[in-house]
Structures are given as structure tokens and as C-alpha cells.
Amino acid sequence: MSTLTLAELRPGKPARVQSFSKSQTPEEEVFLERLMQMGMLEGSEVEMIKEAPFGGAVVVSCRGTLLALRTSEAKRVMVQEL
């Protein structure tokens, strides 16, 4: 099992959230808090559903909810492939 960012996870692959990168700005802190409010917590199982071409947004499933994230946001979530 390897550790990678959520942005590096391939579509159809499940993973478990390991950690979140440290916030550098208040806006990043708000973003991470929002992710946690939507159920993406350390230990949560996620699955990459779809990636937009050319490094656009990604769609992930977490606890029955589909979340669309910018690639830059997905790079802040560290996951371990299952």
C-alpha cells in the first residue's frame, strides 16, 4: 500500500484519508474545515470517481457524497491506497 495525494489517485481506486497538509493561509484553513464538515476525515474511505482533463477538477466519493475538488485542493489530502 502506497501513500499519495488524492490528486494522484486513479479513477476507480479506493483509498483511506491519512492526513491533510498544513494550512498556510486562513483561506486554506477554511477549506480544510469545510472538507471535514462534509465528512472527509482522517480514516475516511474515499474513491476517485473522475478526473477532468488537463489537470482540472476531480470528483471523489466520500461517505456517499460526491465532492468536486480543484486539483490544487486534492493535492492537500494525503491518502493510502486500499
Protein backbone atom coordinates (compact mmCIF):
# COMPACT_ATOMS: atom_id res chain seq x y z
CA MET A 1 0.00 0.00 0.00
CA SER A 2 1.41 3.34 -1.02
CA THR A 3 0.78 6.85 0.26
CA LEU A 4 -0.02 9.54 -2.28
CA THR A 5 -2.12 12.67 -2.65
CA LEU A 6 -5.78 12.46 -3.52
CA ALA A 7 -4.93 14.18 -6.82
CA GLU A 8 -2.62 11.26 -7.74
CA LEU A 9 -5.25 8.59 -7.11
CA ARG A 10 -6.54 6.97 -10.31
CA PRO A 11 -10.28 6.74 -11.10
CA GLY A 12 -11.95 3.68 -9.62
CA LYS A 13 -9.31 3.28 -6.92
CA PRO A 14 -10.34 3.34 -3.25
CA ALA A 15 -8.13 4.85 -0.58
CA ARG A 16 -8.19 5.90 3.07
CA VAL A 17 -7.51 9.50 4.13
CA GLN A 18 -4.27 9.63 6.12
CA SER A 19 -3.75 13.33 6.75
CA PHE A 20 -4.15 16.86 5.45
CA SER A 21 -1.27 19.18 4.62
CA LYS A 22 -0.68 22.08 6.98
CA SER A 23 -2.65 25.24 6.21
CA GLN A 24 -0.57 28.20 5.10
CA THR A 25 -3.37 30.79 4.92
CA PRO A 26 -6.72 31.41 6.62
CA GLU A 27 -8.46 30.51 3.34
CA GLU A 28 -6.77 27.10 3.30
CA GLU A 29 -7.84 26.54 6.90
CA VAL A 30 -11.45 27.31 5.98
CA PHE A 31 -11.23 24.89 3.04
CA LEU A 32 -9.94 22.05 5.24
CA GLU A 33 -12.63 22.73 7.84
CA ARG A 34 -15.26 22.56 5.09
CA LEU A 35 -13.93 19.22 3.85
CA MET A 36 -14.17 17.84 7.38
CA GLN A 37 -17.73 19.18 7.74
CA MET A 38 -18.63 17.26 4.58
CA GLY A 39 -17.31 14.06 6.15
CA MET A 40 -13.78 13.79 4.77
CA LEU A 41 -11.93 12.95 7.98
CA GLU A 42 -8.71 11.08 8.70
CA GLY A 43 -9.56 7.40 8.35
CA SER A 44 -12.45 8.00 5.92
CA GLU A 45 -12.58 5.83 2.82
CA VAL A 46 -12.64 7.76 -0.46
CA GLU A 47 -12.77 6.74 -4.10
CA MET A 48 -11.65 8.72 -7.12
CA ILE A 49 -14.62 8.83 -9.48
CA LYS A 50 -13.46 11.08 -12.31
CA GLU A 51 -10.70 13.50 -13.30
CA ALA A 52 -11.17 16.41 -15.67
CA PRO A 53 -8.61 16.57 -18.49
CA PHE A 54 -5.57 18.83 -18.34
CA GLY A 55 -5.33 18.92 -14.55
CA GLY A 56 -8.81 20.31 -13.90
CA ALA A 57 -11.14 19.28 -11.11
CA VAL A 58 -11.51 15.79 -9.66
CA VAL A 59 -14.67 14.11 -8.39
CA VAL A 60 -14.35 11.87 -5.35
CA SER A 61 -16.83 9.86 -3.34
CA CYS A 62 -16.66 10.08 0.44
CA ARG A 63 -19.26 8.57 2.76
CA GLY A 64 -21.87 8.50 0.00
CA THR A 65 -21.29 12.11 -1.06
CA LEU A 66 -19.73 13.21 -4.35
CA LEU A 67 -17.26 16.06 -3.92
CA ALA A 68 -15.73 18.11 -6.75
CA LEU A 69 -12.32 19.49 -5.80
CA ARG A 70 -9.74 21.54 -7.63
CA THR A 71 -6.57 19.59 -8.28
CA SER A 72 -4.70 22.03 -6.03
CA GLU A 73 -7.13 21.19 -3.20
CA ALA A 74 -6.89 17.43 -3.81
CA LYS A 75 -3.09 17.69 -3.52
CA ARG A 76 -3.54 18.74 0.13
CA VAL A 77 -5.16 15.42 1.10
CA MET A 78 -2.80 12.50 1.72
CA VAL A 79 -4.32 9.05 1.17
CA GLN A 80 -3.25 5.41 1.31
CA GLU A 81 -4.44 3.09 -1.45
CA LEU A 82 -6.51 0.12 -0.31
